[in-house]
Amino acid sequence: GTVVAPRASELIHPISIAVDNNLTVEQIANAFTVYPSLSGSIAEVARQLHTVKRAEEQV
């Protein structure tokens, strides 16, 4: 994949760790991250995705 954004290097590292370790969205969502930070936004997005997925499974 490609990451194009201001300060993209702050996003690439946590994403590459997640990919390298085959982490699930749930594992990323439960990860401890520094807040506020750009890299912490990855875990926040994972939390939102995980919440949507759980809601869809209950329907």
N, C-alpha and C. Protein backbone atom coordinates (compact mmCIF):
# COMPACT_ATOMS: atom_id res chain seq x y z
N GLY A 1 0.81 -1.17 0.00
CA GLY A 1 0.00 0.00 0.00
C GLY A 1 0.86 1.25 0.00
N THR A 2 0.22 2.36 -0.13
CA THR A 2 0.89 3.64 -0.17
C THR A 2 0.24 4.59 0.83
N VAL A 3 1.07 5.29 1.57
CA VAL A 3 0.58 6.31 2.50
C VAL A 3 1.06 7.65 2.00
N VAL A 4 0.12 8.52 1.65
CA VAL A 4 0.45 9.86 1.18
C VAL A 4 -0.28 10.84 2.08
N ALA A 5 0.47 11.56 2.88
CA ALA A 5 -0.13 12.52 3.80
C ALA A 5 0.98 13.38 4.40
N PRO A 6 0.60 14.54 4.90
CA PRO A 6 1.60 15.30 5.66
C PRO A 6 2.07 14.43 6.84
N ARG A 7 3.33 14.41 7.10
CA ARG A 7 3.92 13.60 8.19
C ARG A 7 3.57 12.12 8.05
N ALA A 8 3.59 11.63 6.82
CA ALA A 8 3.23 10.24 6.54
C ALA A 8 4.12 9.26 7.29
N SER A 9 5.36 9.65 7.58
CA SER A 9 6.27 8.74 8.28
C SER A 9 5.73 8.35 9.65
N GLU A 10 4.93 9.22 10.27
CA GLU A 10 4.34 8.89 11.57
C GLU A 10 3.27 7.82 11.44
N LEU A 11 2.70 7.66 10.27
CA LEU A 11 1.68 6.65 10.05
C LEU A 11 2.27 5.33 9.55
N ILE A 12 3.34 5.41 8.80
CA ILE A 12 3.92 4.22 8.17
C ILE A 12 4.44 3.23 9.21
N HIS A 13 5.11 3.71 10.24
CA HIS A 13 5.71 2.80 11.22
C HIS A 13 4.68 1.92 11.92
N PRO A 14 3.63 2.48 12.55
CA PRO A 14 2.67 1.59 13.21
C PRO A 14 1.93 0.68 12.24
N ILE A 15 1.69 1.15 11.03
CA ILE A 15 1.02 0.30 10.04
C ILE A 15 1.93 -0.86 9.65
N SER A 16 3.22 -0.59 9.45
CA SER A 16 4.14 -1.66 9.07
C SER A 16 4.30 -2.68 10.19
N ILE A 17 4.28 -2.24 11.44
CA ILE A 17 4.34 -3.17 12.57
C ILE A 17 3.10 -4.06 12.58
N ALA A 18 1.94 -3.46 12.37
CA ALA A 18 0.69 -4.23 12.36
C ALA A 18 0.70 -5.27 11.24
N VAL A 19 1.13 -4.87 10.06
CA VAL A 19 1.17 -5.79 8.92
C VAL A 19 2.19 -6.90 9.16
N ASP A 20 3.37 -6.53 9.63
CA ASP A 20 4.44 -7.50 9.86
C ASP A 20 4.04 -8.55 10.89
N ASN A 21 3.21 -8.16 11.86
CA ASN A 21 2.79 -9.07 12.92
C ASN A 21 1.41 -9.66 12.69
N ASN A 22 0.85 -9.43 11.50
CA ASN A 22 -0.47 -9.97 11.14
C ASN A 22 -1.54 -9.64 12.18
N LEU A 23 -1.53 -8.40 12.66
CA LEU A 23 -2.49 -7.99 13.68
C LEU A 23 -3.89 -7.83 13.09
N THR A 24 -4.89 -8.19 13.87
CA THR A 24 -6.27 -8.00 13.45
C THR A 24 -6.71 -6.58 13.82
N VAL A 25 -7.85 -6.18 13.28
CA VAL A 25 -8.40 -4.86 13.63
C VAL A 25 -8.65 -4.80 15.14
N GLU A 26 -9.14 -5.89 15.71
CA GLU A 26 -9.40 -5.92 17.15
C GLU A 26 -8.11 -5.73 17.95
N GLN A 27 -7.03 -6.37 17.54
CA GLN A 27 -5.76 -6.22 18.25
C GLN A 27 -5.24 -4.79 18.14
N ILE A 28 -5.38 -4.18 16.98
CA ILE A 28 -4.95 -2.79 16.83
C ILE A 28 -5.83 -1.88 17.67
N ALA A 29 -7.13 -2.14 17.69
CA ALA A 29 -8.06 -1.33 18.47
C ALA A 29 -7.73 -1.39 19.96
N ASN A 30 -7.24 -2.52 20.42
CA ASN A 30 -6.92 -2.68 21.85
C ASN A 30 -5.51 -2.25 22.21
N ALA A 31 -4.75 -1.80 21.22
CA ALA A 31 -3.36 -1.39 21.47
C ALA A 31 -3.31 -0.07 22.23
N PHE A 32 -2.32 0.06 23.09
CA PHE A 32 -2.08 1.32 23.79
C PHE A 32 -1.33 2.25 22.85
N THR A 33 -1.84 3.46 22.70
CA THR A 33 -1.17 4.44 21.84
C THR A 33 -1.06 5.77 22.58
N VAL A 34 -0.13 6.57 22.16
CA VAL A 34 0.05 7.89 22.73
C VAL A 34 -1.06 8.79 22.18
N TYR A 35 -1.66 9.57 23.06
CA TYR A 35 -2.72 10.48 22.63
C TYR A 35 -2.44 11.86 23.15
N PRO A 36 -2.57 12.89 22.40
CA PRO A 36 -2.90 12.89 20.98
C PRO A 36 -1.66 12.69 20.14
N SER A 37 -1.79 11.97 19.08
CA SER A 37 -0.70 11.80 18.12
C SER A 37 -1.29 11.34 16.79
N LEU A 38 -0.57 11.59 15.75
CA LEU A 38 -1.03 11.16 14.43
C LEU A 38 -1.04 9.64 14.35
N SER A 39 -0.02 8.99 14.89
CA SER A 39 0.02 7.53 14.86
C SER A 39 -1.08 6.92 15.73
N GLY A 40 -1.48 7.62 16.78
CA GLY A 40 -2.57 7.15 17.63
C GLY A 40 -3.90 7.12 16.89
N SER A 41 -3.99 7.88 15.82
CA SER A 41 -5.24 7.90 15.04
C SER A 41 -5.50 6.55 14.37
N ILE A 42 -4.45 5.78 14.15
CA ILE A 42 -4.62 4.45 13.55
C ILE A 42 -5.41 3.55 14.49
N ALA A 43 -5.06 3.57 15.77
CA ALA A 43 -5.79 2.77 16.75
C ALA A 43 -7.23 3.28 16.88
N GLU A 44 -7.41 4.58 16.80
CA GLU A 44 -8.77 5.14 16.90
C GLU A 44 -9.62 4.69 15.72
N VAL A 45 -9.07 4.69 14.53
CA VAL A 45 -9.80 4.20 13.35
C VAL A 45 -10.12 2.72 13.52
N ALA A 46 -9.18 1.95 14.03
CA ALA A 46 -9.41 0.52 14.26
C ALA A 46 -10.53 0.32 15.27
N ARG A 47 -10.58 1.15 16.32
CA ARG A 47 -11.66 1.05 17.31
C ARG A 47 -13.01 1.30 16.65
N GLN A 48 -13.07 2.31 15.79
CA GLN A 48 -14.32 2.62 15.10
C GLN A 48 -14.72 1.49 14.16
N LEU A 49 -13.77 0.94 13.42
CA LEU A 49 -14.06 -0.19 12.53
C LEU A 49 -14.53 -1.40 13.32
N HIS A 50 -13.89 -1.66 14.44
CA HIS A 50 -14.25 -2.81 15.27
C HIS A 50 -15.66 -2.63 15.83
N THR A 51 -16.01 -1.42 16.23
CA THR A 51 -17.35 -1.15 16.75
C THR A 51 -18.40 -1.37 15.68
N VAL A 52 -18.15 -0.90 14.47
CA VAL A 52 -19.08 -1.09 13.36
C VAL A 52 -19.23 -2.57 13.05
N LYS A 53 -18.12 -3.30 13.02
CA LYS A 53 -18.16 -4.73 12.72
C LYS A 53 -18.98 -5.48 13.76
N ARG A 54 -18.78 -5.17 15.04
CA ARG A 54 -19.54 -5.84 16.10
C ARG A 54 -21.02 -5.52 15.98
N ALA A 55 -21.36 -4.28 15.64
CA ALA A 55 -22.76 -3.89 15.49
C ALA A 55 -23.41 -4.65 14.33
N GLU A 56 -22.68 -4.82 13.24
CA GLU A 56 -23.20 -5.55 12.08
C GLU A 56 -23.40 -7.02 12.40
N GLU A 57 -22.53 -7.59 13.23
CA GLU A 57 -22.65 -9.01 13.59
C GLU A 57 -23.87 -9.27 14.45
N GLN A 58 -24.33 -8.26 15.17
CA GLN A 58 -25.47 -8.43 16.07
C GLN A 58 -26.80 -8.32 15.34
N VAL A 59 -26.76 -7.88 14.08
CA VAL A 59 -28.00 -7.72 13.31
C VAL A 59 -28.41 -9.02 12.68
